[in-house]
PDB file of N, CA and C in Angstrom:
ATOM      1  N   MET A   1       8.664   6.771  -9.402  1.00  0.00           N
ATOM      2  CA  MET A   1       8.674   6.130  -8.102  1.00  0.00           C
ATOM      3  C   MET A   1       7.386   6.458  -7.372  1.00  0.00           C
ATOM      4  N   SER A   2       7.010   5.571  -6.494  1.00  0.00           N
ATOM      5  CA  SER A   2       5.817   5.769  -5.699  1.00  0.00           C
ATOM      6  C   SER A   2       6.194   5.659  -4.222  1.00  0.00           C
ATOM      7  N   ILE A   3       5.469   6.381  -3.393  1.00  0.00           N
ATOM      8  CA  ILE A   3       5.696   6.360  -1.950  1.00  0.00           C
ATOM      9  C   ILE A   3       4.560   5.580  -1.301  1.00  0.00           C
ATOM     10  N   TYR A   4       4.908   4.634  -0.430  1.00  0.00           N
ATOM     11  CA  TYR A   4       3.920   3.909   0.365  1.00  0.00           C
ATOM     12  C   TYR A   4       3.690   4.693   1.649  1.00  0.00           C
ATOM     13  N   VAL A   5       2.429   4.886   2.012  1.00  0.00           N
ATOM     14  CA  VAL A   5       2.080   5.581   3.250  1.00  0.00           C
ATOM     15  C   VAL A   5       1.175   4.652   4.052  1.00  0.00           C
ATOM     16  N   GLY A   6       1.685   4.161   5.173  1.00  0.00           N
ATOM     17  CA  GLY A   6       0.926   3.211   5.975  1.00  0.00           C
ATOM     18  C   GLY A   6       0.480   3.787   7.298  1.00  0.00           C
ATOM     19  N   ASN A   7      -0.412   3.050   7.949  1.00  0.00           N
ATOM     20  CA  ASN A   7      -0.977   3.401   9.251  1.00  0.00           C
ATOM     21  C   ASN A   7      -1.752   4.716   9.198  1.00  0.00           C
ATOM     22  N   LEU A   8      -2.515   4.876   8.122  1.00  0.00           N
ATOM     23  CA  LEU A   8      -3.341   6.077   7.966  1.00  0.00           C
ATOM     24  C   LEU A   8      -4.684   5.900   8.674  1.00  0.00           C
ATOM     25  N   SER A   9      -5.273   7.001   9.023  1.00  0.00           N
ATOM     26  CA  SER A   9      -6.623   7.001   9.569  1.00  0.00           C
ATOM     27  C   SER A   9      -7.589   6.484   8.502  1.00  0.00           C
ATOM     28  N   TYR A  10      -8.603   5.767   8.930  1.00  0.00           N
ATOM     29  CA  TYR A  10      -9.606   5.262   7.988  1.00  0.00           C
ATOM     30  C   TYR A  10     -10.497   6.383   7.456  1.00  0.00           C
ATOM     31  N   ASN A  11     -10.357   7.576   8.022  1.00  0.00           N
ATOM     32  CA  ASN A  11     -11.167   8.724   7.604  1.00  0.00           C
ATOM     33  C   ASN A  11     -10.422   9.668   6.665  1.00  0.00           C
ATOM     34  N   VAL A  12      -9.178   9.343   6.313  1.00  0.00           N
ATOM     35  CA  VAL A  12      -8.371  10.234   5.485  1.00  0.00           C
ATOM     36  C   VAL A  12      -8.960  10.336   4.073  1.00  0.00           C
ATOM     37  N   THR A  13      -8.788  11.499   3.451  1.00  0.00           N
ATOM     38  CA  THR A  13      -9.236  11.693   2.071  1.00  0.00           C
ATOM     39  C   THR A  13      -8.017  11.933   1.179  1.00  0.00           C
ATOM     40  N   GLN A  14      -8.216  11.788  -0.119  1.00  0.00           N
ATOM     41  CA  GLN A  14      -7.138  12.058  -1.069  1.00  0.00           C
ATOM     42  C   GLN A  14      -6.681  13.506  -0.967  1.00  0.00           C
ATOM     43  N   GLU A  15      -7.628  14.414  -0.770  1.00  0.00           N
ATOM     44  CA  GLU A  15      -7.297  15.837  -0.684  1.00  0.00           C
ATOM     45  C   GLU A  15      -6.416  16.121   0.526  1.00  0.00           C
ATOM     46  N   GLU A  16      -6.736  15.512   1.671  1.00  0.00           N
ATOM     47  CA  GLU A  16      -5.944  15.737   2.881  1.00  0.00           C
ATOM     48  C   GLU A  16      -4.522  15.186   2.717  1.00  0.00           C
ATOM     49  N   LEU A  17      -4.403  14.002   2.133  1.00  0.00           N
ATOM     50  CA  LEU A  17      -3.085  13.405   1.931  1.00  0.00           C
ATOM     51  C   LEU A  17      -2.271  14.220   0.926  1.00  0.00           C
ATOM     52  N   THR A  18      -2.935  14.708  -0.106  1.00  0.00           N
ATOM     53  CA  THR A  18      -2.270  15.567  -1.085  1.00  0.00           C
ATOM     54  C   THR A  18      -1.732  16.826  -0.416  1.00  0.00           C
ATOM     55  N   GLN A  19      -2.534  17.416   0.448  1.00  0.00           N
ATOM     56  CA  GLN A  19      -2.132  18.646   1.128  1.00  0.00           C
ATOM     57  C   GLN A  19      -0.888  18.420   1.989  1.00  0.00           C
ATOM     58  N   VAL A  20      -0.828  17.318   2.715  1.00  0.00           N
ATOM     59  CA  VAL A  20       0.325  17.035   3.570  1.00  0.00           C
ATOM     60  C   VAL A  20       1.589  16.862   2.733  1.00  0.00           C
ATOM     61  N   PHE A  21       1.504  16.089   1.654  1.00  0.00           N
ATOM     62  CA  PHE A  21       2.688  15.826   0.841  1.00  0.00           C
ATOM     63  C   PHE A  21       3.081  17.012  -0.033  1.00  0.00           C
ATOM     64  N   SER A  22       2.137  17.885  -0.355  1.00  0.00           N
ATOM     65  CA  SER A  22       2.458  19.027  -1.213  1.00  0.00           C
ATOM     66  C   SER A  22       3.375  20.033  -0.528  1.00  0.00           C
ATOM     67  N   GLU A  23       3.555  19.923   0.771  1.00  0.00           N
ATOM     68  CA  GLU A  23       4.508  20.775   1.480  1.00  0.00           C
ATOM     69  C   GLU A  23       5.945  20.470   1.056  1.00  0.00           C
ATOM     70  N   TYR A  24       6.158  19.321   0.404  1.00  0.00           N
ATOM     71  CA  TYR A  24       7.502  18.894   0.011  1.00  0.00           C
ATOM     72  C   TYR A  24       7.713  18.903  -1.496  1.00  0.00           C
ATOM     73  N   GLY A  25       6.680  19.261  -2.266  1.00  0.00           N
ATOM     74  CA  GLY A  25       6.779  19.316  -3.716  1.00  0.00           C
ATOM     75  C   GLY A  25       5.430  19.047  -4.365  1.00  0.00           C
ATOM     76  N   THR A  26       5.417  19.014  -5.675  1.00  0.00           N
ATOM     77  CA  THR A  26       4.171  18.817  -6.419  1.00  0.00           C
ATOM     78  C   THR A  26       3.749  17.352  -6.394  1.00  0.00           C
ATOM     79  N   VAL A  27       2.535  17.113  -5.932  1.00  0.00           N
ATOM     80  CA  VAL A  27       1.964  15.767  -5.896  1.00  0.00           C
ATOM     81  C   VAL A  27       1.275  15.513  -7.233  1.00  0.00           C
ATOM     82  N   THR A  28       1.627  14.412  -7.886  1.00  0.00           N
ATOM     83  CA  THR A  28       1.024  14.107  -9.185  1.00  0.00           C
ATOM     84  C   THR A  28      -0.099  13.080  -9.090  1.00  0.00           C
ATOM     85  N   ARG A  29      -0.093  12.262  -8.037  1.00  0.00           N
ATOM     86  CA  ARG A  29      -1.137  11.236  -7.913  1.00  0.00           C
ATOM     87  C   ARG A  29      -1.213  10.733  -6.474  1.00  0.00           C
ATOM     88  N   VAL A  30      -2.430  10.484  -6.010  1.00  0.00           N
ATOM     89  CA  VAL A  30      -2.666   9.884  -4.696  1.00  0.00           C
ATOM     90  C   VAL A  30      -3.662   8.746  -4.886  1.00  0.00           C
ATOM     91  N   GLN A  31      -3.338   7.596  -4.331  1.00  0.00           N
ATOM     92  CA  GLN A  31      -4.228   6.431  -4.384  1.00  0.00           C
ATOM     93  C   GLN A  31      -4.510   5.967  -2.973  1.00  0.00           C
ATOM     94  N   LEU A  32      -5.782   5.812  -2.633  1.00  0.00           N
ATOM     95  CA  LEU A  32      -6.189   5.268  -1.344  1.00  0.00           C
ATOM     96  C   LEU A  32      -7.057   4.033  -1.603  1.00  0.00           C
ATOM     97  N   PRO A  33      -6.480   2.846  -1.545  1.00  0.00           N
ATOM     98  CA  PRO A  33      -7.277   1.636  -1.786  1.00  0.00           C
ATOM     99  C   PRO A  33      -8.404   1.505  -0.767  1.00  0.00           C
ATOM    100  N   THR A  34      -9.536   1.011  -1.232  1.00  0.00           N
ATOM    101  CA  THR A  34     -10.694   0.830  -0.361  1.00  0.00           C
ATOM    102  C   THR A  34     -11.071  -0.642  -0.265  1.00  0.00           C
ATOM    103  N   ASP A  35     -11.714  -0.995   0.823  1.00  0.00           N
ATOM    104  CA  ASP A  35     -12.202  -2.345   1.036  1.00  0.00           C
ATOM    105  C   ASP A  35     -13.349  -2.623   0.067  1.00  0.00           C
ATOM    106  N   ARG A  36     -13.332  -3.777  -0.581  1.00  0.00           N
ATOM    107  CA  ARG A  36     -14.364  -4.114  -1.573  1.00  0.00           C
ATOM    108  C   ARG A  36     -15.767  -4.173  -0.975  1.00  0.00           C
ATOM    109  N   GLU A  37     -15.857  -4.676   0.243  1.00  0.00           N
ATOM    110  CA  GLU A  37     -17.174  -4.870   0.847  1.00  0.00           C
ATOM    111  C   GLU A  37     -17.724  -3.626   1.525  1.00  0.00           C
ATOM    112  N   THR A  38     -16.855  -2.903   2.240  1.00  0.00           N
ATOM    113  CA  THR A  38     -17.350  -1.756   3.004  1.00  0.00           C
ATOM    114  C   THR A  38     -17.160  -0.426   2.291  1.00  0.00           C
ATOM    115  N   GLY A  39     -16.221  -0.370   1.328  1.00  0.00           N
ATOM    116  CA  GLY A  39     -15.928   0.884   0.648  1.00  0.00           C
ATOM    117  C   GLY A  39     -15.065   1.825   1.469  1.00  0.00           C
ATOM    118  N   ARG A  40     -14.657   1.376   2.653  1.00  0.00           N
ATOM    119  CA  ARG A  40     -13.860   2.194   3.562  1.00  0.00           C
ATOM    120  C   ARG A  40     -12.383   2.132   3.176  1.00  0.00           C
ATOM    121  N   VAL A  41     -11.665   3.244   3.359  1.00  0.00           N
ATOM    122  CA  VAL A  41     -10.232   3.294   3.115  1.00  0.00           C
ATOM    123  C   VAL A  41      -9.565   2.221   3.967  1.00  0.00           C
ATOM    124  N   ARG A  42      -8.560   1.545   3.396  1.00  0.00           N
ATOM    125  CA  ARG A  42      -7.934   0.406   4.061  1.00  0.00           C
ATOM    126  C   ARG A  42      -6.797   0.767   5.013  1.00  0.00           C
ATOM    127  N   GLY A  43      -6.489   2.042   5.184  1.00  0.00           N
ATOM    128  CA  GLY A  43      -5.472   2.437   6.151  1.00  0.00           C
ATOM    129  C   GLY A  43      -4.084   2.610   5.568  1.00  0.00           C
ATOM    130  N   PHE A  44      -3.977   2.553   4.246  1.00  0.00           N
ATOM    131  CA  PHE A  44      -2.702   2.826   3.600  1.00  0.00           C
ATOM    132  C   PHE A  44      -2.977   3.454   2.249  1.00  0.00           C
ATOM    133  N   GLY A  45      -1.923   4.004   1.648  1.00  0.00           N
ATOM    134  CA  GLY A  45      -2.091   4.638   0.351  1.00  0.00           C
ATOM    135  C   GLY A  45      -0.757   4.781  -0.359  1.00  0.00           C
ATOM    136  N   PHE A  46      -0.827   5.359  -1.560  1.00  0.00           N
ATOM    137  CA  PHE A  46       0.364   5.586  -2.366  1.00  0.00           C
ATOM    138  C   PHE A  46       0.336   7.016  -2.887  1.00  0.00           C
ATOM    139  N   VAL A  47       1.495   7.654  -2.861  1.00  0.00           N
ATOM    140  CA  VAL A  47       1.624   9.034  -3.319  1.00  0.00           C
ATOM    141  C   VAL A  47       2.739   9.075  -4.354  1.00  0.00           C
ATOM    142  N   GLU A  48       2.494   9.755  -5.466  1.00  0.00           N
ATOM    143  CA  GLU A  48       3.534   9.989  -6.467  1.00  0.00           C
ATOM    144  C   GLU A  48       3.763  11.482  -6.552  1.00  0.00           C
ATOM    145  N   MET A  49       5.044  11.844  -6.660  1.00  0.00           N
ATOM    146  CA  MET A  49       5.401  13.252  -6.710  1.00  0.00           C
ATOM    147  C   MET A  49       6.188  13.537  -7.978  1.00  0.00           C
ATOM    148  N   GLU A  50       6.291  14.807  -8.315  1.00  0.00           N
ATOM    149  CA  GLU A  50       6.893  15.229  -9.574  1.00  0.00           C
ATOM    150  C   GLU A  50       8.388  14.921  -9.681  1.00  0.00           C
ATOM    151  N   SER A  51       9.087  14.941  -8.559  1.00  0.00           N
ATOM    152  CA  SER A  51      10.531  14.682  -8.620  1.00  0.00           C
ATOM    153  C   SER A  51      10.938  13.710  -7.515  1.00  0.00           C
ATOM    154  N   SER A  52      12.028  13.009  -7.764  1.00  0.00           N
ATOM    155  CA  SER A  52      12.527  12.073  -6.751  1.00  0.00           C
ATOM    156  C   SER A  52      13.068  12.835  -5.538  1.00  0.00           C
ATOM    157  N   ALA A  53      13.567  14.052  -5.745  1.00  0.00           N
ATOM    158  CA  ALA A  53      14.044  14.873  -4.628  1.00  0.00           C
ATOM    159  C   ALA A  53      12.891  15.212  -3.680  1.00  0.00           C
ATOM    160  N   ALA A  54      11.730  15.541  -4.254  1.00  0.00           N
ATOM    161  CA  ALA A  54      10.552  15.847  -3.441  1.00  0.00           C
ATOM    162  C   ALA A  54      10.084  14.601  -2.688  1.00  0.00           C
ATOM    163  N   GLU A  55      10.122  13.453  -3.367  1.00  0.00           N
ATOM    164  CA  GLU A  55       9.719  12.205  -2.713  1.00  0.00           C
ATOM    165  C   GLU A  55      10.647  11.878  -1.550  1.00  0.00           C
ATOM    166  N   ASP A  56      11.960  12.023  -1.774  1.00  0.00           N
ATOM    167  CA  ASP A  56      12.929  11.753  -0.712  1.00  0.00           C
ATOM    168  C   ASP A  56      12.722  12.688   0.476  1.00  0.00           C
ATOM    169  N   ALA A  57      12.457  13.954   0.202  1.00  0.00           N
ATOM    170  CA  ALA A  57      12.230  14.929   1.276  1.00  0.00           C
ATOM    171  C   ALA A  57      10.974  14.576   2.075  1.00  0.00           C
ATOM    172  N   ALA A  58       9.921  14.179   1.380  1.00  0.00           N
ATOM    173  CA  ALA A  58       8.668  13.807   2.050  1.00  0.00           C
ATOM    174  C   ALA A  58       8.864  12.566   2.916  1.00  0.00           C
ATOM    175  N   ILE A  59       9.591  11.579   2.385  1.00  0.00           N
ATOM    176  CA  ILE A  59       9.847  10.355   3.152  1.00  0.00           C
ATOM    177  C   ILE A  59      10.619  10.680   4.419  1.00  0.00           C
ATOM    178  N   GLN A  60      11.677  11.477   4.287  1.00  0.00           N
ATOM    179  CA  GLN A  60      12.504  11.850   5.437  1.00  0.00           C
ATOM    180  C   GLN A  60      11.684  12.582   6.503  1.00  0.00           C
ATOM    181  N   ALA A  61      10.841  13.497   6.064  1.00  0.00           N
ATOM    182  CA  ALA A  61      10.097  14.334   7.008  1.00  0.00           C
ATOM    183  C   ALA A  61       8.896  13.622   7.627  1.00  0.00           C
ATOM    184  N   LEU A  62       8.240  12.750   6.862  1.00  0.00           N
ATOM    185  CA  LEU A  62       6.960  12.214   7.322  1.00  0.00           C
ATOM    186  C   LEU A  62       7.002  10.817   7.916  1.00  0.00           C
ATOM    187  N   ASP A  63       8.063  10.046   7.655  1.00  0.00           N
ATOM    188  CA  ASP A  63       8.138   8.707   8.244  1.00  0.00           C
ATOM    189  C   ASP A  63       8.247   8.827   9.756  1.00  0.00           C
ATOM    190  N   GLY A  64       7.289   8.262  10.458  1.00  0.00           N
ATOM    191  CA  GLY A  64       7.261   8.331  11.919  1.00  0.00           C
ATOM    192  C   GLY A  64       6.534   9.534  12.479  1.00  0.00           C
ATOM    193  N   ALA A  65       6.047  10.408  11.588  1.00  0.00           N
ATOM    194  CA  ALA A  65       5.323  11.605  12.051  1.00  0.00           C
ATOM    195  C   ALA A  65       3.896  11.233  12.458  1.00  0.00           C
ATOM    196  N   GLU A  66       3.395  11.913  13.467  1.00  0.00           N
ATOM    197  CA  GLU A  66       2.020  11.690  13.894  1.00  0.00           C
ATOM    198  C   GLU A  66       1.095  12.599  13.097  1.00  0.00           C
ATOM    199  N   TRP A  67       0.027  11.997  12.563  1.00  0.00           N
ATOM    200  CA  TRP A  67      -0.959  12.755  11.790  1.00  0.00           C
ATOM    201  C   TRP A  67      -2.316  12.095  11.963  1.00  0.00           C
ATOM    202  N   MET A  68      -3.303  12.875  12.270  1.00  0.00           N
ATOM    203  CA  MET A  68      -4.670  12.405  12.493  1.00  0.00           C
ATOM    204  C   MET A  68      -4.707  11.317  13.579  1.00  0.00           C
ATOM    205  N   GLY A  69      -3.846  11.504  14.596  1.00  0.00           N
ATOM    206  CA  GLY A  69      -3.836  10.588  15.731  1.00  0.00           C
ATOM    207  C   GLY A  69      -3.109   9.269  15.490  1.00  0.00           C
ATOM    208  N   ARG A  70      -2.387   9.147  14.385  1.00  0.00           N
ATOM    209  CA  ARG A  70      -1.668   7.909  14.076  1.00  0.00           C
ATOM    210  C   ARG A  70      -0.243   8.233  13.644  1.00  0.00           C
ATOM    211  N   VAL A  71       0.671   7.309  13.891  1.00  0.00           N
ATOM    212  CA  VAL A  71       2.061   7.481  13.479  1.00  0.00           C
ATOM    213  C   VAL A  71       2.220   6.844  12.096  1.00  0.00           C
ATOM    214  N   MET A  72       2.529   7.690  11.106  1.00  0.00           N
ATOM    215  CA  MET A  72       2.614   7.217   9.717  1.00  0.00           C
ATOM    216  C   MET A  72       3.888   6.426   9.461  1.00  0.00           C
ATOM    217  N   LYS A  73       3.774   5.446   8.585  1.00  0.00           N
ATOM    218  CA  LYS A  73       4.914   4.709   8.060  1.00  0.00           C
ATOM    219  C   LYS A  73       5.046   5.139   6.605  1.00  0.00           C
ATOM    220  N   VAL A  74       6.146   5.790   6.250  1.00  0.00           N
ATOM    221  CA  VAL A  74       6.322   6.338   4.908  1.00  0.00           C
ATOM    222  C   VAL A  74       7.650   5.835   4.346  1.00  0.00           C
ATOM    223  N   ASN A  75       7.597   5.162   3.197  1.00  0.00           N
ATOM    224  CA  ASN A  75       8.823   4.697   2.542  1.00  0.00           C
ATOM    225  C   ASN A  75       8.586   4.489   1.052  1.00  0.00           C
ATOM    226  N   LYS A  76       9.659   4.159   0.332  1.00  0.00           N
ATOM    227  CA  LYS A  76       9.518   3.903  -1.100  1.00  0.00           C
ATOM    228  C   LYS A  76       8.688   2.643  -1.287  1.00  0.00           C
ATOM    229  N   ALA A  77       7.721   2.711  -2.177  1.00  0.00           N
ATOM    230  CA  ALA A  77       6.859   1.557  -2.434  1.00  0.00           C
ATOM    231  C   ALA A  77       7.649   0.505  -3.199  1.00  0.00           C
ATOM    232  N   ARG A  78       7.413  -0.742  -2.840  1.00  0.00           N
ATOM    233  CA  ARG A  78       8.024  -1.856  -3.565  1.00  0.00           C
ATOM    234  C   ARG A  78       7.038  -2.339  -4.612  1.00  0.00           C
ATOM    235  N   PRO A  79       7.539  -2.881  -5.713  1.00  0.00           N
ATOM    236  CA  PRO A  79       6.631  -3.409  -6.735  1.00  0.00           C
ATOM    237  C   PRO A  79       5.765  -4.520  -6.157  1.00  0.00           C
ATOM    238  N   ARG A  80       4.546  -4.588  -6.628  1.00  0.00           N
ATOM    239  CA  ARG A  80       3.615  -5.609  -6.162  1.00  0.00           C
ATOM    240  C   ARG A  80       4.109  -6.986  -6.600  1.00  0.00           C
ATOM    241  N   GLU A  81       4.114  -7.931  -5.665  1.00  0.00           N
ATOM    242  CA  GLU A  81       4.568  -9.278  -5.979  1.00  0.00           C
ATOM    243  C   GLU A  81       3.425 -10.086  -6.580  1.00  0.00           C
ATOM    244  N   GLU A  82       3.777 -10.929  -7.542  1.00  0.00           N
ATOM    245  CA  GLU A  82       2.792 -11.822  -8.141  1.00  0.00           C
ATOM    246  C   GLU A  82       2.374 -12.861  -7.109  1.00  0.00           C
ATOM    247  N   LYS A  83       1.088 -13.176  -7.054  1.00  0.00           N
ATOM    248  CA  LYS A  83       0.618 -14.227  -6.165  1.00  0.00           C
ATOM    249  C   LYS A  83       0.967 -15.575  -6.773  1.00  0.00           C
ATOM    250  N   THR A  84       1.475 -16.452  -5.945  1.00  0.00           N
ATOM    251  CA  THR A  84       1.800 -17.786  -6.431  1.00  0.00           C
ATOM    252  C   THR A  84       0.672 -18.738  -6.073  1.00  0.00           C
ATOM    253  N   THR A  85       0.532 -19.795  -6.861  1.00  0.00           N
ATOM    254  CA  THR A  85      -0.507 -20.770  -6.570  1.00  0.00           C
ATOM    255  C   THR A  85      -0.034 -21.683  -5.459  1.00  0.00           C
ATOM    256  N   ARG A  86      -0.968 -22.148  -4.685  1.00  0.00           N
ATOM    257  CA  ARG A  86      -0.637 -23.055  -3.594  1.00  0.00           C
ATOM    258  C   ARG A  86      -0.344 -24.430  -4.160  1.00  0.00           C
ATOM    259  N   SER A  87       0.620 -25.108  -3.594  1.00  0.00           N
ATOM    260  CA  SER A  87       0.905 -26.464  -4.028  1.00  0.00           C
ATOM    261  C   SER A  87       1.251 -27.317  -2.824  1.00  0.00           C
ATOM    262  N   GLY A  88       0.959 -28.598  -2.941  1.00  0.00           N
ATOM    263  CA  GLY A  88       1.338 -29.519  -1.889  1.00  0.00           C
ATOM    264  C   GLY A  88       0.307 -29.745  -0.818  1.00  0.00           C
ATOM    265  N   SER A  89      -0.670 -28.886  -0.680  1.00  0.00           N
ATOM    266  CA  SER A  89      -1.677 -29.108   0.357  1.00  0.00           C
ATOM    267  C   SER A  89      -3.042 -29.212  -0.296  1.00  0.00           C
ATOM    268  N   GLY A  90      -3.610 -30.371  -0.178  1.00  0.00           N
ATOM    269  CA  GLY A  90      -4.925 -30.599  -0.779  1.00  0.00           C
ATOM    270  C   GLY A  90      -4.818 -30.661  -2.281  1.00  0.00           C
ATOM    271  N   GLY A  91      -5.883 -30.916  -2.931  1.00  0.00           N
ATOM    272  CA  GLY A  91      -5.881 -30.923  -4.382  1.00  0.00           C
ATOM    273  C   GLY A  91      -5.685 -32.308  -4.951  1.00  0.00           C
ATOM    274  N   TRP A  92      -5.153 -32.368  -6.139  1.00  0.00           N
ATOM    275  CA  TRP A  92      -5.079 -33.621  -6.879  1.00  0.00           C
ATOM    276  C   TRP A  92      -3.678 -34.193  -6.960  1.00  0.00           C
ATOM    277  N   GLY A  93      -2.726 -33.661  -6.253  1.00  0.00           N
ATOM    278  CA  GLY A  93      -1.348 -34.123  -6.340  1.00  0.00           C
ATOM    279  C   GLY A  93      -1.142 -35.529  -5.791  1.00  0.00           C
ATOM    280  N   LYS A  94       0.018 -36.101  -6.056  1.00  0.00           N
ATOM    281  CA  LYS A  94       0.353 -37.465  -5.649  1.00  0.00           C
ATOM    282  C   LYS A  94       0.251 -37.664  -4.141  1.00  0.00           C
ATOM    283  N   ASN A  95       0.841 -36.775  -3.394  1.00  0.00           N
ATOM    284  CA  ASN A  95       0.916 -36.946  -1.946  1.00  0.00           C
ATOM    285  C   ASN A  95      -0.053 -36.035  -1.207  1.00  0.00           C
ATOM    286  N   SER A  96      -1.172 -35.767  -1.789  1.00  0.00           N
ATOM    287  CA  SER A  96      -2.098 -34.811  -1.173  1.00  0.00           C
ATOM    288  C   SER A  96      -2.907 -35.422  -0.070  1.00  0.00           C
ATOM    289  N   GLY A  97      -2.952 -36.746  -0.006  1.00  0.00           N
ATOM    290  CA  GLY A  97      -3.760 -37.367   1.027  1.00  0.00           C
ATOM    291  C   GLY A  97      -5.216 -37.458   0.628  1.00  0.00           C
ATOM    292  N   GLY A  98      -5.567 -36.860  -0.472  1.00  0.00           N
ATOM    293  CA  GLY A  98      -6.942 -36.883  -0.966  1.00  0.00           C
ATOM    294  C   GLY A  98      -7.038 -37.793  -2.168  1.00  0.00           C
ATOM    295  N   TYR A  99      -7.950 -37.522  -3.004  1.00  0.00           N
ATOM    296  CA  TYR A  99      -8.110 -38.322  -4.207  1.00  0.00           C
ATOM    297  C   TYR A  99      -7.021 -37.960  -5.213  1.00  0.00           C
ATOM    298  N   SER A 100      -6.676 -38.882  -6.074  1.00  0.00           N
ATOM    299  CA  SER A 100      -5.726 -38.555  -7.128  1.00  0.00           C
ATOM    300  C   SER A 100      -6.280 -39.063  -8.444  1.00  0.00           C
ATOM    301  N   ARG A 101      -5.870 -38.438  -9.496  1.00  0.00           N
ATOM    302  CA  ARG A 101      -6.328 -38.824 -10.829  1.00  0.00           C
ATOM    303  C   ARG A 101      -5.390 -39.882 -11.394  1.00  0.00           C
ATOM    304  N   GLN A 102      -5.942 -40.899 -11.917  1.00  0.00           N
ATOM    305  CA  GLN A 102      -5.150 -41.939 -12.559  1.00  0.00           C
ATOM    306  C   GLN A 102      -5.343 -41.836 -14.058  1.00  0.00           C
ATOM    307  N   TYR A 103      -4.292 -41.748 -14.810  1.00  0.00           N
ATOM    308  CA  TYR A 103      -4.380 -41.668 -16.268  1.00  0.00           C
ATOM    309  C   TYR A 103      -3.843 -42.904 -16.894  1.00  0.00           C
TER     310      TYR A 103
END
């Protein structure tokens, strides 16, 4: 399982986040996604811990806690959803209002 940690400071480091969560058990992995253009942390991250009991304890204790001047949002991470393709607006479809291909 993975823990989602939202509303983080843009200055947070993996080491600092590891230290906060390690108070509740062994942290096995920390991910802080960065912006492609600026390289800056995007304000959220993911933490994995050695046991589900440790993860549950961390979620209970840290959700809504203030840290680095921000109130954290901490919960179980949901699986990433597949992006769907856009349909019906623009393009080559029958009712797109634009050009259509005739075969």
